[in-house]
Amino acid sequence: TVDGAVALTLRQDSHQLSLSGQGTLSPDGRYLFRGTLQPRQGMPPLLALLVTRPTANNAPGPTPWQLQGKWLPQEQK
């Protein structure tokens, strides 16, 4: 990217969960990822409760997600 950040595309698909999204990792360690989660038929019921869409009707389809923060490298000794 223009400010030197690394642009990433994420995609994971299994019999339990499908995850896809895009994000950036800046030179100063800041990161931001946005995407969607989609439960699959093999997903354990407890995990499905965490992934399902928080709507009154629990509408089917992908659940949006966002993760942001700052990567803190370990101190070198």
PDB file of N, CA and C in Angstrom:
ATOM      1  N   THR A   1       0.841  -1.190   0.000  1.00  0.00           N
ATOM      2  CA  THR A   1       0.000   0.000   0.000  1.00  0.00           C
ATOM      3  C   THR A   1       0.877   1.241   0.000  1.00  0.00           C
ATOM      4  N   VAL A   2       0.266   2.395  -0.144  1.00  0.00           N
ATOM      5  CA  VAL A   2       1.007   3.654  -0.237  1.00  0.00           C
ATOM      6  C   VAL A   2       1.827   3.935   1.015  1.00  0.00           C
ATOM      7  N   ASP A   3       1.279   3.635   2.201  1.00  0.00           N
ATOM      8  CA  ASP A   3       1.995   3.936   3.447  1.00  0.00           C
ATOM      9  C   ASP A   3       2.946   2.821   3.880  1.00  0.00           C
ATOM     10  N   GLY A   4       3.193   1.847   3.036  1.00  0.00           N
ATOM     11  CA  GLY A   4       4.122   0.767   3.337  1.00  0.00           C
ATOM     12  C   GLY A   4       3.502  -0.418   4.045  1.00  0.00           C
ATOM     13  N   ALA A   5       2.203  -0.417   4.222  1.00  0.00           N
ATOM     14  CA  ALA A   5       1.526  -1.539   4.874  1.00  0.00           C
ATOM     15  C   ALA A   5       1.453  -2.731   3.925  1.00  0.00           C
ATOM     16  N   VAL A   6       1.388  -3.901   4.504  1.00  0.00           N
ATOM     17  CA  VAL A   6       1.216  -5.127   3.738  1.00  0.00           C
ATOM     18  C   VAL A   6      -0.281  -5.419   3.654  1.00  0.00           C
ATOM     19  N   ALA A   7      -0.777  -5.650   2.451  1.00  0.00           N
ATOM     20  CA  ALA A   7      -2.189  -6.003   2.256  1.00  0.00           C
ATOM     21  C   ALA A   7      -2.308  -7.522   2.214  1.00  0.00           C
ATOM     22  N   LEU A   8      -3.283  -8.069   2.945  1.00  0.00           N
ATOM     23  CA  LEU A   8      -3.460  -9.511   3.045  1.00  0.00           C
ATOM     24  C   LEU A   8      -4.869  -9.924   2.652  1.00  0.00           C
ATOM     25  N   THR A   9      -4.979 -11.092   2.065  1.00  0.00           N
ATOM     26  CA  THR A   9      -6.272 -11.713   1.803  1.00  0.00           C
ATOM     27  C   THR A   9      -6.275 -13.052   2.522  1.00  0.00           C
ATOM     28  N   LEU A  10      -7.294 -13.279   3.349  1.00  0.00           N
ATOM     29  CA  LEU A  10      -7.405 -14.505   4.130  1.00  0.00           C
ATOM     30  C   LEU A  10      -8.539 -15.360   3.593  1.00  0.00           C
ATOM     31  N   ARG A  11      -8.320 -16.669   3.560  1.00  0.00           N
ATOM     32  CA  ARG A  11      -9.383 -17.589   3.167  1.00  0.00           C
ATOM     33  C   ARG A  11      -9.078 -18.944   3.798  1.00  0.00           C
ATOM     34  N   GLN A  12     -10.045 -19.467   4.532  1.00  0.00           N
ATOM     35  CA  GLN A  12      -9.938 -20.778   5.148  1.00  0.00           C
ATOM     36  C   GLN A  12     -11.281 -21.452   4.981  1.00  0.00           C
ATOM     37  N   ASP A  13     -11.277 -22.688   4.558  1.00  0.00           N
ATOM     38  CA  ASP A  13     -12.524 -23.408   4.369  1.00  0.00           C
ATOM     39  C   ASP A  13     -12.337 -24.837   4.863  1.00  0.00           C
ATOM     40  N   SER A  14     -13.231 -25.279   5.719  1.00  0.00           N
ATOM     41  CA  SER A  14     -13.191 -26.650   6.218  1.00  0.00           C
ATOM     42  C   SER A  14     -14.619 -27.157   6.360  1.00  0.00           C
ATOM     43  N   HIS A  15     -14.772 -28.371   6.847  1.00  0.00           N
ATOM     44  CA  HIS A  15     -16.118 -28.919   7.043  1.00  0.00           C
ATOM     45  C   HIS A  15     -16.818 -28.276   8.237  1.00  0.00           C
ATOM     46  N   GLN A  16     -16.087 -27.484   9.055  1.00  0.00           N
ATOM     47  CA  GLN A  16     -16.679 -26.834  10.220  1.00  0.00           C
ATOM     48  C   GLN A  16     -16.929 -25.345  10.032  1.00  0.00           C
ATOM     49  N   LEU A  17     -16.051 -24.664   9.293  1.00  0.00           N
ATOM     50  CA  LEU A  17     -16.106 -23.209   9.231  1.00  0.00           C
ATOM     51  C   LEU A  17     -15.481 -22.697   7.941  1.00  0.00           C
ATOM     52  N   SER A  18     -16.081 -21.669   7.389  1.00  0.00           N
ATOM     53  CA  SER A  18     -15.506 -20.965   6.250  1.00  0.00           C
ATOM     54  C   SER A  18     -15.242 -19.528   6.687  1.00  0.00           C
ATOM     55  N   LEU A  19     -14.032 -19.049   6.468  1.00  0.00           N
ATOM     56  CA  LEU A  19     -13.635 -17.706   6.852  1.00  0.00           C
ATOM     57  C   LEU A  19     -12.981 -17.043   5.651  1.00  0.00           C
ATOM     58  N   SER A  20     -13.340 -15.808   5.379  1.00  0.00           N
ATOM     59  CA  SER A  20     -12.665 -15.063   4.320  1.00  0.00           C
ATOM     60  C   SER A  20     -12.621 -13.599   4.716  1.00  0.00           C
ATOM     61  N   GLY A  21     -11.608 -12.897   4.224  1.00  0.00           N
ATOM     62  CA  GLY A  21     -11.496 -11.487   4.548  1.00  0.00           C
ATOM     63  C   GLY A  21     -10.240 -10.873   3.978  1.00  0.00           C
ATOM     64  N   GLN A  22     -10.105  -9.584   4.242  1.00  0.00           N
ATOM     65  CA  GLN A  22      -8.948  -8.820   3.793  1.00  0.00           C
ATOM     66  C   GLN A  22      -8.469  -7.954   4.941  1.00  0.00           C
ATOM     67  N   GLY A  23      -7.196  -7.587   4.895  1.00  0.00           N
ATOM     68  CA  GLY A  23      -6.664  -6.756   5.955  1.00  0.00           C
ATOM     69  C   GLY A  23      -5.345  -6.131   5.586  1.00  0.00           C
ATOM     70  N   THR A  24      -4.822  -5.363   6.534  1.00  0.00           N
ATOM     71  CA  THR A  24      -3.533  -4.706   6.363  1.00  0.00           C
ATOM     72  C   THR A  24      -2.718  -4.835   7.643  1.00  0.00           C
ATOM     73  N   LEU A  25      -1.405  -4.847   7.484  1.00  0.00           N
ATOM     74  CA  LEU A  25      -0.455  -4.819   8.587  1.00  0.00           C
ATOM     75  C   LEU A  25       0.521  -3.692   8.294  1.00  0.00           C
ATOM     76  N   SER A  26       0.494  -2.646   9.130  1.00  0.00           N
ATOM     77  CA  SER A  26       1.317  -1.455   8.919  1.00  0.00           C
ATOM     78  C   SER A  26       2.720  -1.650   9.474  1.00  0.00           C
ATOM     79  N   PRO A  27       3.692  -0.876   8.989  1.00  0.00           N
ATOM     80  CA  PRO A  27       5.062  -0.985   9.487  1.00  0.00           C
ATOM     81  C   PRO A  27       5.175  -0.749  10.997  1.00  0.00           C
ATOM     82  N   ASP A  28       4.276   0.044  11.578  1.00  0.00           N
ATOM     83  CA  ASP A  28       4.329   0.296  13.021  1.00  0.00           C
ATOM     84  C   ASP A  28       3.618  -0.787  13.834  1.00  0.00           C
ATOM     85  N   GLY A  29       3.126  -1.837  13.177  1.00  0.00           N
ATOM     86  CA  GLY A  29       2.516  -2.962  13.870  1.00  0.00           C
ATOM     87  C   GLY A  29       0.998  -2.935  13.947  1.00  0.00           C
ATOM     88  N   ARG A  30       0.371  -1.865  13.495  1.00  0.00           N
ATOM     89  CA  ARG A  30      -1.097  -1.818  13.519  1.00  0.00           C
ATOM     90  C   ARG A  30      -1.654  -2.777  12.470  1.00  0.00           C
ATOM     91  N   TYR A  31      -2.754  -3.446  12.825  1.00  0.00           N
ATOM     92  CA  TYR A  31      -3.407  -4.340  11.867  1.00  0.00           C
ATOM     93  C   TYR A  31      -4.916  -4.151  11.916  1.00  0.00           C
ATOM     94  N   LEU A  32      -5.553  -4.444  10.797  1.00  0.00           N
ATOM     95  CA  LEU A  32      -7.001  -4.387  10.670  1.00  0.00           C
ATOM     96  C   LEU A  32      -7.419  -5.450   9.663  1.00  0.00           C
ATOM     97  N   PHE A  33      -8.322  -6.326  10.076  1.00  0.00           N
ATOM     98  CA  PHE A  33      -8.863  -7.364   9.203  1.00  0.00           C
ATOM     99  C   PHE A  33     -10.380  -7.300   9.251  1.00  0.00           C
ATOM    100  N   ARG A  34     -11.001  -7.447   8.100  1.00  0.00           N
ATOM    101  CA  ARG A  34     -12.461  -7.502   7.988  1.00  0.00           C
ATOM    102  C   ARG A  34     -12.824  -8.660   7.081  1.00  0.00           C
ATOM    103  N   GLY A  35     -13.935  -9.324   7.416  1.00  0.00           N
ATOM    104  CA  GLY A  35     -14.349 -10.430   6.578  1.00  0.00           C
ATOM    105  C   GLY A  35     -15.665 -11.022   7.023  1.00  0.00           C
ATOM    106  N   THR A  36     -15.871 -12.288   6.658  1.00  0.00           N
ATOM    107  CA  THR A  36     -17.097 -12.997   7.011  1.00  0.00           C
ATOM    108  C   THR A  36     -16.774 -14.410   7.488  1.00  0.00           C
ATOM    109  N   LEU A  37     -17.617 -14.907   8.386  1.00  0.00           N
ATOM    110  CA  LEU A  37     -17.575 -16.283   8.872  1.00  0.00           C
ATOM    111  C   LEU A  37     -18.852 -16.976   8.427  1.00  0.00           C
ATOM    112  N   GLN A  38     -18.724 -18.213   7.995  1.00  0.00           N
ATOM    113  CA  GLN A  38     -19.896 -18.984   7.573  1.00  0.00           C
ATOM    114  C   GLN A  38     -19.815 -20.358   8.228  1.00  0.00           C
ATOM    115  N   PRO A  39     -20.765 -20.690   9.118  1.00  0.00           N
ATOM    116  CA  PRO A  39     -20.748 -22.025   9.711  1.00  0.00           C
ATOM    117  C   PRO A  39     -21.020 -23.100   8.663  1.00  0.00           C
ATOM    118  N   ARG A  40     -20.458 -24.282   8.878  1.00  0.00           N
ATOM    119  CA  ARG A  40     -20.674 -25.437   8.012  1.00  0.00           C
ATOM    120  C   ARG A  40     -21.402 -26.518   8.814  1.00  0.00           C
ATOM    121  N   GLN A  41     -21.882 -27.538   8.131  1.00  0.00           N
ATOM    122  CA  GLN A  41     -22.664 -28.584   8.800  1.00  0.00           C
ATOM    123  C   GLN A  41     -21.874 -29.341   9.862  1.00  0.00           C
ATOM    124  N   GLY A  42     -20.560 -29.436   9.716  1.00  0.00           N
ATOM    125  CA  GLY A  42     -19.751 -30.174  10.682  1.00  0.00           C
ATOM    126  C   GLY A  42     -19.355 -29.372  11.905  1.00  0.00           C
ATOM    127  N   MET A  43     -19.830 -28.138  12.029  1.00  0.00           N
ATOM    128  CA  MET A  43     -19.432 -27.283  13.141  1.00  0.00           C
ATOM    129  C   MET A  43     -20.053 -27.773  14.452  1.00  0.00           C
ATOM    130  N   PRO A  44     -19.240 -27.881  15.520  1.00  0.00           N
ATOM    131  CA  PRO A  44     -19.787 -28.253  16.823  1.00  0.00           C
ATOM    132  C   PRO A  44     -20.819 -27.212  17.288  1.00  0.00           C
ATOM    133  N   PRO A  45     -21.890 -27.648  17.943  1.00  0.00           N
ATOM    134  CA  PRO A  45     -22.967 -26.732  18.336  1.00  0.00           C
ATOM    135  C   PRO A  45     -22.505 -25.548  19.181  1.00  0.00           C
ATOM    136  N   LEU A  46     -21.570 -25.760  20.105  1.00  0.00           N
ATOM    137  CA  LEU A  46     -21.115 -24.658  20.953  1.00  0.00           C
ATOM    138  C   LEU A  46     -20.382 -23.594  20.136  1.00  0.00           C
ATOM    139  N   LEU A  47     -19.561 -24.022  19.191  1.00  0.00           N
ATOM    140  CA  LEU A  47     -18.875 -23.074  18.318  1.00  0.00           C
ATOM    141  C   LEU A  47     -19.872 -22.347  17.426  1.00  0.00           C
ATOM    142  N   ALA A  48     -20.905 -23.040  16.989  1.00  0.00           N
ATOM    143  CA  ALA A  48     -21.935 -22.414  16.150  1.00  0.00           C
ATOM    144  C   ALA A  48     -22.609 -21.262  16.879  1.00  0.00           C
ATOM    145  N   LEU A  49     -22.789 -21.379  18.190  1.00  0.00           N
ATOM    146  CA  LEU A  49     -23.386 -20.287  18.965  1.00  0.00           C
ATOM    147  C   LEU A  49     -22.521 -19.031  18.921  1.00  0.00           C
ATOM    148  N   LEU A  50     -21.206 -19.195  18.862  1.00  0.00           N
ATOM    149  CA  LEU A  50     -20.296 -18.050  18.814  1.00  0.00           C
ATOM    150  C   LEU A  50     -20.246 -17.401  17.440  1.00  0.00           C
ATOM    151  N   VAL A  51     -20.541 -18.166  16.413  1.00  0.00           N
ATOM    152  CA  VAL A  51     -20.385 -17.697  15.037  1.00  0.00           C
ATOM    153  C   VAL A  51     -21.687 -17.185  14.434  1.00  0.00           C
ATOM    154  N   THR A  52     -22.828 -17.634  14.943  1.00  0.00           N
ATOM    155  CA  THR A  52     -24.091 -17.266  14.315  1.00  0.00           C
ATOM    156  C   THR A  52     -24.340 -15.774  14.381  1.00  0.00           C
ATOM    157  N   ARG A  53     -25.070 -15.311  13.424  1.00  0.00           N
ATOM    158  CA  ARG A  53     -25.380 -13.895  13.266  1.00  0.00           C
ATOM    159  C   ARG A  53     -26.294 -13.429  14.407  1.00  0.00           C
ATOM    160  N   PRO A  54     -25.934 -12.348  15.086  1.00  0.00           N
ATOM    161  CA  PRO A  54     -26.738 -11.861  16.216  1.00  0.00           C
ATOM    162  C   PRO A  54     -27.938 -11.029  15.762  1.00  0.00           C
ATOM    163  N   THR A  55     -28.923 -11.661  15.176  1.00  0.00           N
ATOM    164  CA  THR A  55     -30.144 -10.972  14.774  1.00  0.00           C
ATOM    165  C   THR A  55     -31.329 -11.669  15.411  1.00  0.00           C
ATOM    166  N   ALA A  56     -32.456 -10.987  15.440  1.00  0.00           N
ATOM    167  CA  ALA A  56     -33.648 -11.548  16.074  1.00  0.00           C
ATOM    168  C   ALA A  56     -34.055 -12.865  15.428  1.00  0.00           C
ATOM    169  N   ASN A  57     -33.951 -12.959  14.124  1.00  0.00           N
ATOM    170  CA  ASN A  57     -34.353 -14.177  13.420  1.00  0.00           C
ATOM    171  C   ASN A  57     -33.182 -15.108  13.141  1.00  0.00           C
ATOM    172  N   ASN A  58     -31.980 -14.730  13.609  1.00  0.00           N
ATOM    173  CA  ASN A  58     -30.768 -15.496  13.322  1.00  0.00           C
ATOM    174  C   ASN A  58     -30.692 -15.822  11.835  1.00  0.00           C
ATOM    175  N   ALA A  59     -30.746 -14.776  11.036  1.00  0.00           N
ATOM    176  CA  ALA A  59     -30.772 -14.894   9.581  1.00  0.00           C
ATOM    177  C   ALA A  59     -29.611 -15.752   9.086  1.00  0.00           C
ATOM    178  N   PRO A  60     -29.864 -16.644   8.151  1.00  0.00           N
ATOM    179  CA  PRO A  60     -28.783 -17.457   7.603  1.00  0.00           C
ATOM    180  C   PRO A  60     -27.843 -16.601   6.760  1.00  0.00           C
ATOM    181  N   GLY A  61     -26.670 -17.126   6.553  1.00  0.00           N
ATOM    182  CA  GLY A  61     -25.695 -16.414   5.734  1.00  0.00           C
ATOM    183  C   GLY A  61     -24.450 -16.081   6.525  1.00  0.00           C
ATOM    184  N   PRO A  62     -23.493 -15.446   5.879  1.00  0.00           N
ATOM    185  CA  PRO A  62     -22.227 -15.143   6.533  1.00  0.00           C
ATOM    186  C   PRO A  62     -22.385 -14.118   7.654  1.00  0.00           C
ATOM    187  N   THR A  63     -21.561 -14.262   8.686  1.00  0.00           N
ATOM    188  CA  THR A  63     -21.519 -13.325   9.801  1.00  0.00           C
ATOM    189  C   THR A  63     -20.319 -12.403   9.605  1.00  0.00           C
ATOM    190  N   PRO A  64     -20.523 -11.083   9.593  1.00  0.00           N
ATOM    191  CA  PRO A  64     -19.391 -10.168   9.452  1.00  0.00           C
ATOM    192  C   PRO A  64     -18.494 -10.211  10.694  1.00  0.00           C
ATOM    193  N   TRP A  65     -17.193 -10.015  10.491  1.00  0.00           N
ATOM    194  CA  TRP A  65     -16.266  -9.921  11.610  1.00  0.00           C
ATOM    195  C   TRP A  65     -15.220  -8.865  11.324  1.00  0.00           C
ATOM    196  N   GLN A  66     -14.633  -8.325  12.382  1.00  0.00           N
ATOM    197  CA  GLN A  66     -13.550  -7.345  12.262  1.00  0.00           C
ATOM    198  C   GLN A  66     -12.602  -7.554  13.431  1.00  0.00           C
ATOM    199  N   LEU A  67     -11.315  -7.457  13.161  1.00  0.00           N
ATOM    200  CA  LEU A  67     -10.282  -7.616  14.171  1.00  0.00           C
ATOM    201  C   LEU A  67      -9.251  -6.531  13.926  1.00  0.00           C
ATOM    202  N   GLN A  68      -8.927  -5.771  14.977  1.00  0.00           N
ATOM    203  CA  GLN A  68      -7.899  -4.744  14.823  1.00  0.00           C
ATOM    204  C   GLN A  68      -7.105  -4.633  16.108  1.00  0.00           C
ATOM    205  N   GLY A  69      -5.894  -4.128  15.983  1.00  0.00           N
ATOM    206  CA  GLY A  69      -5.043  -3.979  17.149  1.00  0.00           C
ATOM    207  C   GLY A  69      -3.642  -3.583  16.732  1.00  0.00           C
ATOM    208  N   LYS A  70      -2.701  -3.860  17.621  1.00  0.00           N
ATOM    209  CA  LYS A  70      -1.303  -3.550  17.341  1.00  0.00           C
ATOM    210  C   LYS A  70      -0.452  -4.744  17.741  1.00  0.00           C
ATOM    211  N   TRP A  71       0.368  -5.182  16.800  1.00  0.00           N
ATOM    212  CA  TRP A  71       1.286  -6.294  17.016  1.00  0.00           C
ATOM    213  C   TRP A  71       2.437  -5.784  17.865  1.00  0.00           C
ATOM    214  N   LEU A  72       2.671  -6.412  19.013  1.00  0.00           N
ATOM    215  CA  LEU A  72       3.765  -6.009  19.887  1.00  0.00           C
ATOM    216  C   LEU A  72       4.836  -7.092  19.856  1.00  0.00           C
ATOM    217  N   PRO A  73       5.968  -6.807  19.225  1.00  0.00           N
ATOM    218  CA  PRO A  73       7.026  -7.820  19.156  1.00  0.00           C
ATOM    219  C   PRO A  73       7.611  -8.081  20.538  1.00  0.00           C
ATOM    220  N   GLN A  74       8.110  -9.302  20.744  1.00  0.00           N
ATOM    221  CA  GLN A  74       8.764  -9.629  22.006  1.00  0.00           C
ATOM    222  C   GLN A  74      10.045  -8.829  22.130  1.00  0.00           C
ATOM    223  N   GLU A  75      10.351  -8.453  23.374  1.00  0.00           N
ATOM    224  CA  GLU A  75      11.624  -7.757  23.594  1.00  0.00           C
ATOM    225  C   GLU A  75      12.766  -8.732  23.349  1.00  0.00           C
ATOM    226  N   GLN A  76      13.788  -8.242  22.698  1.00  0.00           N
ATOM    227  CA  GLN A  76      14.962  -9.084  22.475  1.00  0.00           C
ATOM    228  C   GLN A  76      15.857  -8.988  23.692  1.00  0.00           C
ATOM    229  N   LYS A  77      16.318 -10.141  24.176  1.00  0.00           N
ATOM    230  CA  LYS A  77      17.156 -10.171  25.387  1.00  0.00           C
ATOM    231  C   LYS A  77      18.599 -10.332  25.036  1.00  0.00           C
TER     232      LYS A  77
END
